């Protein structure tokens, strides 16, 4: 009986030690039973971060650090679909040679379009614009609309609700240069996933489930907005190679947008991202009416 009691006590101690180890491992790996509370926290954080905009000219008037609400100020931008323009040019050349064969074809829509029209045409694109043209603001506004569940009301989006992911590529480039990113010697989709996990687990102290981002990307219906390729200075070649692998893996059923100034997206970047099959769009200047509307909003 004494031996049996000792064995039972040892089993109890072992069970207690295992339970303690599992608890430590769960805390270390950020494992949770249900990621719905994390999802709610993620979207709430997105609404907070993407919904404000600092106005440098009147920054001293901001009270208690609060920023102006983006949704109240934003004026929709028009975008020039360069792929559609190129197709229209090629069609015009063909029609000059064989006008009788193409006389009944529908004309391509080459006039400027809105952001919703662009992502309805293409599930991956690069948005080119001069400094201050509104690229970052547009991406944040789109991410905010989906985080608030107002994409149909605010943007005219008729598709399924999309899960928004917005990130600055400059920060991703710095992550790759850090010790955390040293494991990715070759281009891999996991590099950006690791950056997202690091950003929200360590930066925002969120208990993400291990597959929080990857599962949603595999399921589809995500919109990933990658802002500021031109801001990546030292390792842009490395960044675009990882982006190409990431978009190629998760392109099915998801939407991807990259923004850059003209100088940040040249022939080298276009070649490196060829597998991503990015359509090219450019920010059209605001017309007089939209400028007046922006002034009124401010």
C-alpha atoms as a PDB file:
ATOM      1  CA  UNK A   1       0.000   0.000   0.000  1.00  0.00           C
ATOM      2  CA  UNK A   2       2.833   2.405   0.826  1.00  0.00           C
ATOM      3  CA  UNK A   3       4.379   1.757  -2.591  1.00  0.00           C
ATOM      4  CA  UNK A   4       1.048   2.347  -4.307  1.00  0.00           C
ATOM      5  CA  UNK A   5       0.588   5.654  -2.447  1.00  0.00           C
ATOM      6  CA  UNK A   6       4.051   6.776  -3.503  1.00  0.00           C
ATOM      7  CA  UNK A   7       3.328   5.945  -7.134  1.00  0.00           C
ATOM      8  CA  UNK A   8       0.022   7.849  -7.067  1.00  0.00           C
ATOM      9  CA  UNK A   9       1.735  10.856  -5.518  1.00  0.00           C
ATOM     10  CA  UNK A  10       4.431  10.732  -8.212  1.00  0.00           C
ATOM     11  CA  UNK A  11       1.797  10.623 -10.965  1.00  0.00           C
ATOM     12  CA  UNK A  12       0.079  13.632  -9.407  1.00  0.00           C
ATOM     13  CA  UNK A  13       3.353  15.561  -9.293  1.00  0.00           C
ATOM     14  CA  UNK A  14       4.122  14.649 -12.900  1.00  0.00           C
ATOM     15  CA  UNK A  15       0.647  15.732 -14.012  1.00  0.00           C
ATOM     16  CA  UNK A  16       1.057  19.041 -12.191  1.00  0.00           C
ATOM     17  CA  UNK A  17       4.447  19.607 -13.831  1.00  0.00           C
ATOM     18  CA  UNK A  18       3.051  18.818 -17.299  1.00  0.00           C
ATOM     19  CA  UNK A  19       0.120  21.174 -16.776  1.00  0.00           C
ATOM     20  CA  UNK A  20       2.502  23.934 -15.697  1.00  0.00           C
ATOM     21  CA  UNK A  21       4.713  23.330 -18.737  1.00  0.00           C
ATOM     22  CA  UNK A  22       1.729  23.438 -21.118  1.00  0.00           C
ATOM     23  CA  UNK A  23       0.636  26.721 -19.553  1.00  0.00           C
ATOM     24  CA  UNK A  24       4.103  28.201 -20.013  1.00  0.00           C
ATOM     25  CA  UNK A  25       4.303  26.915 -23.602  1.00  0.00           C
ATOM     26  CA  UNK A  26       0.870  28.327 -24.412  1.00  0.00           C
ATOM     27  CA  UNK A  27       1.880  31.734 -23.062  1.00  0.00           C
ATOM     28  CA  UNK A  28       5.188  31.632 -24.926  1.00  0.00           C
ATOM     29  CA  UNK A  29       3.636  30.597 -28.242  1.00  0.00           C
ATOM     30  CA  UNK A  30       0.560  32.838 -27.828  1.00  0.00           C
ATOM     31  CA  UNK A  31      -1.853  29.922 -28.148  1.00  0.00           C
ATOM     32  CA  UNK A  32      -5.524  30.517 -27.380  1.00  0.00           C
ATOM     33  CA  UNK A  33      -8.555  28.237 -27.634  1.00  0.00           C
ATOM     34  CA  UNK A  34     -10.629  30.693 -29.647  1.00  0.00           C
ATOM     35  CA  UNK A  35      -9.299  33.562 -31.718  1.00  0.00           C
ATOM     36  CA  UNK A  36     -12.604  35.461 -31.979  1.00  0.00           C
ATOM     37  CA  UNK A  37     -11.692  37.807 -29.095  1.00  0.00           C
ATOM     38  CA  UNK A  38      -8.332  38.347 -30.795  1.00  0.00           C
ATOM     39  CA  UNK A  39     -10.068  39.064 -34.091  1.00  0.00           C
ATOM     40  CA  UNK A  40     -12.294  41.639 -32.385  1.00  0.00           C
ATOM     41  CA  UNK A  41      -9.239  43.240 -30.795  1.00  0.00           C
ATOM     42  CA  UNK A  42      -7.365  43.237 -34.105  1.00  0.00           C
ATOM     43  CA  UNK A  43     -10.199  44.985 -35.956  1.00  0.00           C
ATOM     44  CA  UNK A  44     -10.681  47.462 -33.095  1.00  0.00           C
ATOM     45  CA  UNK A  45      -6.973  48.277 -33.231  1.00  0.00           C
ATOM     46  CA  UNK A  46      -7.216  48.691 -36.991  1.00  0.00           C
ATOM     47  CA  UNK A  47     -10.131  51.100 -36.660  1.00  0.00           C
ATOM     48  CA  UNK A  48      -8.093  53.124 -34.189  1.00  0.00           C
ATOM     49  CA  UNK A  49      -4.839  53.148 -36.166  1.00  0.00           C
ATOM     50  CA  UNK A  50      -6.288  53.522 -39.667  1.00  0.00           C
ATOM     51  CA  UNK A  51      -9.113  55.898 -38.777  1.00  0.00           C
ATOM     52  CA  UNK A  52      -7.025  58.881 -37.694  1.00  0.00           C
ATOM     53  CA  UNK A  53      -4.927  61.266 -39.743  1.00  0.00           C
ATOM     54  CA  UNK A  54      -2.494  63.902 -38.544  1.00  0.00           C
ATOM     55  CA  UNK A  55      -2.543  67.215 -40.381  1.00  0.00           C
ATOM     56  CA  UNK A  56       0.927  68.796 -40.151  1.00  0.00           C
ATOM     57  CA  UNK A  57      -0.213  72.339 -40.911  1.00  0.00           C
ATOM     58  CA  UNK A  58      -2.567  72.408 -37.920  1.00  0.00           C
ATOM     59  CA  UNK A  59      -0.976  69.770 -35.681  1.00  0.00           C
ATOM     60  CA  UNK A  60      -0.649  72.211 -32.813  1.00  0.00           C
ATOM     61  CA  UNK A  61      -4.452  72.446 -32.602  1.00  0.00           C
ATOM     62  CA  UNK A  62      -4.917  68.746 -31.901  1.00  0.00           C
ATOM     63  CA  UNK A  63      -6.107  68.299 -28.328  1.00  0.00           C
ATOM     64  CA  UNK A  64      -4.911  65.440 -26.097  1.00  0.00           C
ATOM     65  CA  UNK A  65      -3.098  63.775 -28.976  1.00  0.00           C
ATOM     66  CA  UNK A  66      -6.294  62.928 -30.838  1.00  0.00           C
ATOM     67  CA  UNK A  67      -6.056  62.903 -34.621  1.00  0.00           C
ATOM     68  CA  UNK A  68      -8.640  63.974 -37.137  1.00  0.00           C
ATOM     69  CA  UNK A  69     -11.035  61.330 -38.379  1.00  0.00           C
ATOM     70  CA  UNK A  70     -10.029  60.080 -41.805  1.00  0.00           C
ATOM     71  CA  UNK A  71     -13.550  59.146 -42.832  1.00  0.00           C
ATOM     72  CA  UNK A  72     -14.752  62.709 -42.267  1.00  0.00           C
ATOM     73  CA  UNK A  73     -11.998  64.309 -44.335  1.00  0.00           C
ATOM     74  CA  UNK A  74     -11.269  61.809 -47.089  1.00  0.00           C
ATOM     75  CA  UNK A  75     -12.083  62.679 -50.707  1.00  0.00           C
ATOM     76  CA  UNK A  76     -12.125  59.653 -53.060  1.00  0.00           C
ATOM     77  CA  UNK A  77      -9.262  59.498 -55.533  1.00  0.00           C
ATOM     78  CA  UNK A  78      -9.495  58.560 -59.188  1.00  0.00           C
ATOM     79  CA  UNK A  79      -6.997  56.101 -60.606  1.00  0.00           C
ATOM     80  CA  UNK A  80      -5.737  55.646 -64.133  1.00  0.00           C
ATOM     81  CA  UNK A  81      -5.840  51.992 -65.159  1.00  0.00           C
ATOM     82  CA  UNK A  82      -2.635  51.708 -67.185  1.00  0.00           C
ATOM     83  CA  UNK A  83      -3.301  48.092 -68.175  1.00  0.00           C
ATOM     84  CA  UNK A  84      -6.660  49.032 -69.690  1.00  0.00           C
ATOM     85  CA  UNK A  85      -5.044  51.970 -71.475  1.00  0.00           C
ATOM     86  CA  UNK A  86      -2.404  49.676 -72.976  1.00  0.00           C
ATOM     87  CA  UNK A  87      -5.058  47.232 -74.143  1.00  0.00           C
ATOM     88  CA  UNK A  88      -6.982  50.100 -75.734  1.00  0.00           C
ATOM     89  CA  UNK A  89      -3.853  51.275 -77.518  1.00  0.00           C
ATOM     90  CA  UNK A  90      -3.163  47.796 -78.869  1.00  0.00           C
ATOM     91  CA  UNK A  91      -6.768  47.456 -79.971  1.00  0.00           C
ATOM     92  CA  UNK A  92      -6.597  50.773 -81.823  1.00  0.00           C
ATOM     93  CA  UNK A  93      -3.523  49.537 -83.674  1.00  0.00           C
ATOM     94  CA  UNK A  94      -5.311  46.328 -84.661  1.00  0.00           C
ATOM     95  CA  UNK A  95      -8.369  48.210 -85.818  1.00  0.00           C
ATOM     96  CA  UNK A  96      -6.243  50.296 -88.161  1.00  0.00           C
ATOM     97  CA  UNK A  97      -5.078  47.066 -89.786  1.00  0.00           C
ATOM     98  CA  UNK A  98      -8.378  45.118 -89.664  1.00  0.00           C
ATOM     99  CA  UNK A  99     -11.204  47.527 -88.844  1.00  0.00           C
ATOM    100  CA  UNK A 100     -13.859  45.207 -90.265  1.00  0.00           C
ATOM    101  CA  UNK A 101     -12.926  42.420 -87.808  1.00  0.00           C
ATOM    102  CA  UNK A 102     -13.143  44.607 -84.718  1.00  0.00           C
ATOM    103  CA  UNK A 103     -15.921  46.984 -85.653  1.00  0.00           C
ATOM    104  CA  UNK A 104     -18.409  45.426 -83.208  1.00  0.00           C
ATOM    105  CA  UNK A 105     -16.085  44.998 -80.220  1.00  0.00           C
ATOM    106  CA  UNK A 106     -16.937  46.866 -77.032  1.00  0.00           C
ATOM    107  CA  UNK A 107     -14.670  49.817 -76.305  1.00  0.00           C
ATOM    108  CA  UNK A 108     -12.308  49.470 -73.339  1.00  0.00           C
ATOM    109  CA  UNK A 109     -13.006  51.673 -70.351  1.00  0.00           C
ATOM    110  CA  UNK A 110      -9.914  53.824 -70.148  1.00  0.00           C
ATOM    111  CA  UNK A 111     -11.298  56.722 -68.149  1.00  0.00           C
ATOM    112  CA  UNK A 112     -10.136  57.076 -64.506  1.00  0.00           C
ATOM    113  CA  UNK A 113     -11.794  54.689 -62.059  1.00  0.00           C
ATOM    114  CA  UNK A 114     -12.291  54.497 -58.319  1.00  0.00           C
ATOM    115  CA  UNK A 115     -10.503  52.153 -55.929  1.00  0.00           C
ATOM    116  CA  UNK A 116     -13.446  49.741 -55.788  1.00  0.00           C
ATOM    117  CA  UNK A 117     -13.570  49.515 -59.575  1.00  0.00           C
ATOM    118  CA  UNK A 118      -9.843  48.772 -59.659  1.00  0.00           C
ATOM    119  CA  UNK A 119      -9.970  45.844 -57.213  1.00  0.00           C
ATOM    120  CA  UNK A 120     -13.079  44.553 -59.004  1.00  0.00           C
ATOM    121  CA  UNK A 121     -10.989  44.334 -62.190  1.00  0.00           C
ATOM    122  CA  UNK A 122      -7.757  43.003 -60.692  1.00  0.00           C
ATOM    123  CA  UNK A 123      -6.953  41.047 -57.554  1.00  0.00           C
ATOM    124  CA  UNK A 124      -3.375  42.375 -57.499  1.00  0.00           C
ATOM    125  CA  UNK A 125      -2.068  45.785 -58.529  1.00  0.00           C
ATOM    126  CA  UNK A 126       0.607  48.378 -57.914  1.00  0.00           C
ATOM    127  CA  UNK A 127      -0.490  51.968 -57.307  1.00  0.00           C
ATOM    128  CA  UNK A 128       1.972  54.636 -58.445  1.00  0.00           C
ATOM    129  CA  UNK A 129       1.709  58.225 -57.290  1.00  0.00           C
ATOM    130  CA  UNK A 130       3.826  61.279 -56.631  1.00  0.00           C
ATOM    131  CA  UNK A 131       4.664  62.339 -53.053  1.00  0.00           C
ATOM    132  CA  UNK A 132       1.561  63.672 -51.332  1.00  0.00           C
ATOM    133  CA  UNK A 133      -0.827  62.311 -53.959  1.00  0.00           C
ATOM    134  CA  UNK A 134      -2.790  60.325 -51.348  1.00  0.00           C
ATOM    135  CA  UNK A 135      -1.589  56.729 -51.807  1.00  0.00           C
ATOM    136  CA  UNK A 136      -1.197  55.959 -48.103  1.00  0.00           C
ATOM    137  CA  UNK A 137      -4.408  57.756 -47.207  1.00  0.00           C
ATOM    138  CA  UNK A 138      -6.302  55.777 -49.843  1.00  0.00           C
ATOM    139  CA  UNK A 139      -4.967  52.444 -48.562  1.00  0.00           C
ATOM    140  CA  UNK A 140      -5.784  53.326 -44.972  1.00  0.00           C
ATOM    141  CA  UNK A 141      -9.252  54.493 -45.955  1.00  0.00           C
ATOM    142  CA  UNK A 142      -9.940  51.191 -47.726  1.00  0.00           C
ATOM    143  CA  UNK A 143      -8.642  49.154 -44.777  1.00  0.00           C
ATOM    144  CA  UNK A 144     -10.777  51.229 -42.404  1.00  0.00           C
ATOM    145  CA  UNK A 145     -13.933  50.684 -44.474  1.00  0.00           C
ATOM    146  CA  UNK A 146     -13.541  46.909 -44.284  1.00  0.00           C
ATOM    147  CA  UNK A 147     -12.582  47.001 -40.584  1.00  0.00           C
ATOM    148  CA  UNK A 148     -15.734  48.990 -39.832  1.00  0.00           C
ATOM    149  CA  UNK A 149     -17.958  46.817 -42.014  1.00  0.00           C
ATOM    150  CA  UNK A 150     -18.850  49.879 -44.109  1.00  0.00           C
ATOM    151  CA  UNK A 151     -17.217  48.968 -47.432  1.00  0.00           C
ATOM    152  CA  UNK A 152     -20.521  48.829 -49.299  1.00  0.00           C
ATOM    153  CA  UNK A 153     -21.783  52.086 -47.792  1.00  0.00           C
ATOM    154  CA  UNK A 154     -18.539  54.046 -48.027  1.00  0.00           C
ATOM    155  CA  UNK A 155     -16.926  52.566 -51.142  1.00  0.00           C
ATOM    156  CA  UNK A 156     -19.709  50.906 -53.102  1.00  0.00           C
ATOM    157  CA  UNK A 157     -18.120  47.473 -52.658  1.00  0.00           C
ATOM    158  CA  UNK A 158     -20.541  44.748 -53.791  1.00  0.00           C
ATOM    159  CA  UNK A 159     -18.436  41.678 -52.983  1.00  0.00           C
ATOM    160  CA  UNK A 160     -17.976  39.657 -49.822  1.00  0.00           C
ATOM    161  CA  UNK A 161     -16.668  41.305 -46.647  1.00  0.00           C
ATOM    162  CA  UNK A 162     -12.878  41.301 -46.778  1.00  0.00           C
ATOM    163  CA  UNK A 163     -10.426  40.862 -43.922  1.00  0.00           C
ATOM    164  CA  UNK A 164      -8.089  43.907 -44.023  1.00  0.00           C
ATOM    165  CA  UNK A 165      -4.313  43.779 -43.556  1.00  0.00           C
ATOM    166  CA  UNK A 166      -2.389  47.051 -43.847  1.00  0.00           C
ATOM    167  CA  UNK A 167       1.348  47.399 -43.319  1.00  0.00           C
ATOM    168  CA  UNK A 168       4.218  49.733 -44.116  1.00  0.00           C
ATOM    169  CA  UNK A 169       6.863  48.041 -46.252  1.00  0.00           C
ATOM    170  CA  UNK A 170       9.594  50.139 -44.655  1.00  0.00           C
ATOM    171  CA  UNK A 171       8.905  48.341 -41.367  1.00  0.00           C
ATOM    172  CA  UNK A 172       8.920  44.963 -43.103  1.00  0.00           C
ATOM    173  CA  UNK A 173      12.305  45.793 -44.630  1.00  0.00           C
ATOM    174  CA  UNK A 174      13.687  46.665 -41.197  1.00  0.00           C
ATOM    175  CA  UNK A 175      12.329  43.382 -39.848  1.00  0.00           C
ATOM    176  CA  UNK A 176      14.192  41.432 -42.529  1.00  0.00           C
ATOM    177  CA  UNK A 177      17.412  43.210 -41.562  1.00  0.00           C
ATOM    178  CA  UNK A 178      16.915  42.442 -37.877  1.00  0.00           C
ATOM    179  CA  UNK A 179      17.845  39.276 -36.061  1.00  0.00           C
ATOM    180  CA  UNK A 180      14.223  38.122 -36.279  1.00  0.00           C
ATOM    181  CA  UNK A 181      14.363  38.086 -40.072  1.00  0.00           C
ATOM    182  CA  UNK A 182      17.761  36.482 -40.515  1.00  0.00           C
ATOM    183  CA  UNK A 183      16.262  32.997 -40.914  1.00  0.00           C
ATOM    184  CA  UNK A 184      14.790  33.906 -44.310  1.00  0.00           C
ATOM    185  CA  UNK A 185      17.783  33.638 -46.605  1.00  0.00           C
ATOM    186  CA  UNK A 186      15.662  32.685 -49.624  1.00  0.00           C
ATOM    187  CA  UNK A 187      12.413  34.351 -50.738  1.00  0.00           C
ATOM    188  CA  UNK A 188       9.547  32.814 -48.780  1.00  0.00           C
ATOM    189  CA  UNK A 189       5.909  33.721 -48.040  1.00  0.00           C
ATOM    190  CA  UNK A 190       6.554  33.001 -44.371  1.00  0.00           C
ATOM    191  CA  UNK A 191       8.733  36.090 -44.004  1.00  0.00           C
ATOM    192  CA  UNK A 192       5.818  38.489 -44.173  1.00  0.00           C
ATOM    193  CA  UNK A 193       3.690  36.209 -41.990  1.00  0.00           C
ATOM    194  CA  UNK A 194       6.417  36.229 -39.347  1.00  0.00           C
ATOM    195  CA  UNK A 195       6.594  40.010 -39.539  1.00  0.00           C
ATOM    196  CA  UNK A 196       2.827  40.282 -38.963  1.00  0.00           C
ATOM    197  CA  UNK A 197       2.998  37.923 -35.987  1.00  0.00           C
ATOM    198  CA  UNK A 198       5.916  39.864 -34.524  1.00  0.00           C
ATOM    199  CA  UNK A 199       4.169  43.173 -35.151  1.00  0.00           C
ATOM    200  CA  UNK A 200       0.968  42.254 -33.311  1.00  0.00           C
ATOM    201  CA  UNK A 201       2.248  39.815 -30.684  1.00  0.00           C
ATOM    202  CA  UNK A 202       5.276  41.788 -29.538  1.00  0.00           C
ATOM    203  CA  UNK A 203       4.260  45.270 -30.621  1.00  0.00           C
ATOM    204  CA  UNK A 204       0.608  45.221 -29.587  1.00  0.00           C
ATOM    205  CA  UNK A 205       0.722  42.369 -27.013  1.00  0.00           C
ATOM    206  CA  UNK A 206      -2.035  40.421 -28.749  1.00  0.00           C
ATOM    207  CA  UNK A 207      -2.428  36.686 -28.079  1.00  0.00           C
ATOM    208  CA  UNK A 208      -2.666  35.575 -31.689  1.00  0.00           C
ATOM    209  CA  UNK A 209      -3.474  31.984 -32.523  1.00  0.00           C
ATOM    210  CA  UNK A 210      -0.543  30.417 -34.428  1.00  0.00           C
ATOM    211  CA  UNK A 211      -2.429  30.509 -37.742  1.00  0.00           C
ATOM    212  CA  UNK A 212      -4.289  33.802 -37.211  1.00  0.00           C
ATOM    213  CA  UNK A 213      -3.130  35.349 -40.499  1.00  0.00           C
ATOM    214  CA  UNK A 214      -2.188  32.267 -42.521  1.00  0.00           C
ATOM    215  CA  UNK A 215      -5.561  30.571 -42.012  1.00  0.00           C
ATOM    216  CA  UNK A 216      -7.467  33.614 -43.190  1.00  0.00           C
ATOM    217  CA  UNK A 217      -5.208  34.015 -46.212  1.00  0.00           C
ATOM    218  CA  UNK A 218      -5.662  30.351 -47.092  1.00  0.00           C
ATOM    219  CA  UNK A 219      -9.435  30.696 -46.766  1.00  0.00           C
ATOM    220  CA  UNK A 220      -9.424  33.794 -49.014  1.00  0.00           C
ATOM    221  CA  UNK A 221     -11.411  37.044 -48.892  1.00  0.00           C
ATOM    222  CA  UNK A 222      -8.517  39.108 -47.508  1.00  0.00           C
ATOM    223  CA  UNK A 223      -7.321  42.473 -48.781  1.00  0.00           C
ATOM    224  CA  UNK A 224      -3.610  43.057 -48.151  1.00  0.00           C
ATOM    225  CA  UNK A 225      -2.426  46.638 -48.638  1.00  0.00           C
ATOM    226  CA  UNK A 226       1.362  47.021 -48.730  1.00  0.00           C
ATOM    227  CA  UNK A 227       2.265  50.671 -48.481  1.00  0.00           C
ATOM    228  CA  UNK A 228       5.401  52.561 -49.477  1.00  0.00           C
ATOM    229  CA  UNK A 229       7.700  50.337 -51.524  1.00  0.00           C
ATOM    230  CA  UNK A 230       9.778  53.425 -52.333  1.00  0.00           C
ATOM    231  CA  UNK A 231      10.470  53.922 -48.608  1.00  0.00           C
ATOM    232  CA  UNK A 232      12.483  50.681 -48.522  1.00  0.00           C
ATOM    233  CA  UNK A 233      15.980  51.967 -49.173  1.00  0.00           C
ATOM    234  CA  UNK A 234      18.647  49.426 -48.245  1.00  0.00           C
ATOM    235  CA  UNK A 235      17.115  46.026 -49.066  1.00  0.00           C
ATOM    236  CA  UNK A 236      14.360  46.699 -51.604  1.00  0.00           C
ATOM    237  CA  UNK A 237      15.467  43.792 -53.809  1.00  0.00           C
ATOM    238  CA  UNK A 238      15.077  41.397 -50.888  1.00  0.00           C
ATOM    239  CA  UNK A 239      11.700  42.849 -49.927  1.00  0.00           C
ATOM    240  CA  UNK A 240      10.185  42.539 -53.410  1.00  0.00           C
ATOM    241  CA  UNK A 241      11.362  38.931 -53.699  1.00  0.00           C
ATOM    242  CA  UNK A 242       9.588  38.033 -50.454  1.00  0.00           C
ATOM    243  CA  UNK A 243       6.492  39.945 -51.597  1.00  0.00           C
ATOM    244  CA  UNK A 244       6.482  38.056 -54.866  1.00  0.00           C
ATOM    245  CA  UNK A 245       6.579  34.708 -53.017  1.00  0.00           C
ATOM    246  CA  UNK A 246       3.858  35.854 -50.593  1.00  0.00           C
ATOM    247  CA  UNK A 247       1.439  37.096 -53.262  1.00  0.00           C
ATOM    248  CA  UNK A 248       2.067  34.068 -55.468  1.00  0.00           C
ATOM    249  CA  UNK A 249       1.166  31.686 -52.624  1.00  0.00           C
ATOM    250  CA  UNK A 250      -1.958  33.481 -51.413  1.00  0.00           C
ATOM    251  CA  UNK A 251      -3.221  35.153 -54.586  1.00  0.00           C
ATOM    252  CA  UNK A 252      -6.133  32.760 -55.033  1.00  0.00           C
ATOM    253  CA  UNK A 253      -9.223  34.378 -53.531  1.00  0.00           C
ATOM    254  CA  UNK A 254      -7.431  37.400 -52.014  1.00  0.00           C
ATOM    255  CA  UNK A 255      -6.653  40.981 -53.080  1.00  0.00           C
ATOM    256  CA  UNK A 256      -3.232  42.636 -52.979  1.00  0.00           C
ATOM    257  CA  UNK A 257      -2.182  46.237 -53.491  1.00  0.00           C
ATOM    258  CA  UNK A 258       1.294  47.773 -53.386  1.00  0.00           C
ATOM    259  CA  UNK A 259       1.856  51.538 -53.380  1.00  0.00           C
ATOM    260  CA  UNK A 260       4.993  53.371 -54.426  1.00  0.00           C
ATOM    261  CA  UNK A 261       6.350  56.626 -55.738  1.00  0.00           C
ATOM    262  CA  UNK A 262       7.470  56.396 -59.382  1.00  0.00           C
ATOM    263  CA  UNK A 263      11.125  56.093 -58.390  1.00  0.00           C
ATOM    264  CA  UNK A 264      10.460  53.082 -56.145  1.00  0.00           C
ATOM    265  CA  UNK A 265       8.926  50.853 -58.792  1.00  0.00           C
ATOM    266  CA  UNK A 266      11.221  50.545 -61.779  1.00  0.00           C
ATOM    267  CA  UNK A 267      12.159  47.808 -64.200  1.00  0.00           C
ATOM    268  CA  UNK A 268      14.006  45.765 -61.554  1.00  0.00           C
ATOM    269  CA  UNK A 269      11.040  45.771 -59.169  1.00  0.00           C
ATOM    270  CA  UNK A 270       8.604  45.009 -61.968  1.00  0.00           C
ATOM    271  CA  UNK A 271      10.719  42.040 -63.074  1.00  0.00           C
ATOM    272  CA  UNK A 272      11.066  40.687 -59.536  1.00  0.00           C
ATOM    273  CA  UNK A 273       7.286  40.884 -59.046  1.00  0.00           C
ATOM    274  CA  UNK A 274       6.405  39.363 -62.418  1.00  0.00           C
ATOM    275  CA  UNK A 275       4.900  36.214 -60.918  1.00  0.00           C
ATOM    276  CA  UNK A 276       2.521  38.390 -58.869  1.00  0.00           C
ATOM    277  CA  UNK A 277       1.002  39.687 -62.141  1.00  0.00           C
ATOM    278  CA  UNK A 278       0.410  43.192 -60.839  1.00  0.00           C
ATOM    279  CA  UNK A 279      -1.794  45.524 -62.825  1.00  0.00           C
ATOM    280  CA  UNK A 280      -0.462  49.082 -62.854  1.00  0.00           C
ATOM    281  CA  UNK A 281      -2.529  52.079 -61.808  1.00  0.00           C
ATOM    282  CA  UNK A 282      -1.587  55.711 -61.259  1.00  0.00           C
ATOM    283  CA  UNK A 283      -3.168  58.317 -58.999  1.00  0.00           C
ATOM    284  CA  UNK A 284      -4.961  60.975 -61.011  1.00  0.00           C
ATOM    285  CA  UNK A 285      -4.692  64.588 -59.750  1.00  0.00           C
ATOM    286  CA  UNK A 286      -7.665  65.977 -57.858  1.00  0.00           C
ATOM    287  CA  UNK A 287      -9.912  68.153 -59.981  1.00  0.00           C
ATOM    288  CA  UNK A 288     -11.138  71.573 -58.869  1.00  0.00           C
ATOM    289  CA  UNK A 289     -14.386  70.214 -57.444  1.00  0.00           C
ATOM    290  CA  UNK A 290     -12.623  67.612 -55.288  1.00  0.00           C
ATOM    291  CA  UNK A 291     -10.125  70.203 -54.056  1.00  0.00           C
ATOM    292  CA  UNK A 292     -13.004  72.432 -52.946  1.00  0.00           C
ATOM    293  CA  UNK A 293     -14.638  69.439 -51.235  1.00  0.00           C
ATOM    294  CA  UNK A 294     -11.408  68.611 -49.387  1.00  0.00           C
ATOM    295  CA  UNK A 295     -11.127  72.210 -48.173  1.00  0.00           C
ATOM    296  CA  UNK A 296     -14.711  72.112 -46.936  1.00  0.00           C
ATOM    297  CA  UNK A 297     -14.075  68.810 -45.136  1.00  0.00           C
ATOM    298  CA  UNK A 298     -11.010  70.244 -43.422  1.00  0.00           C
END
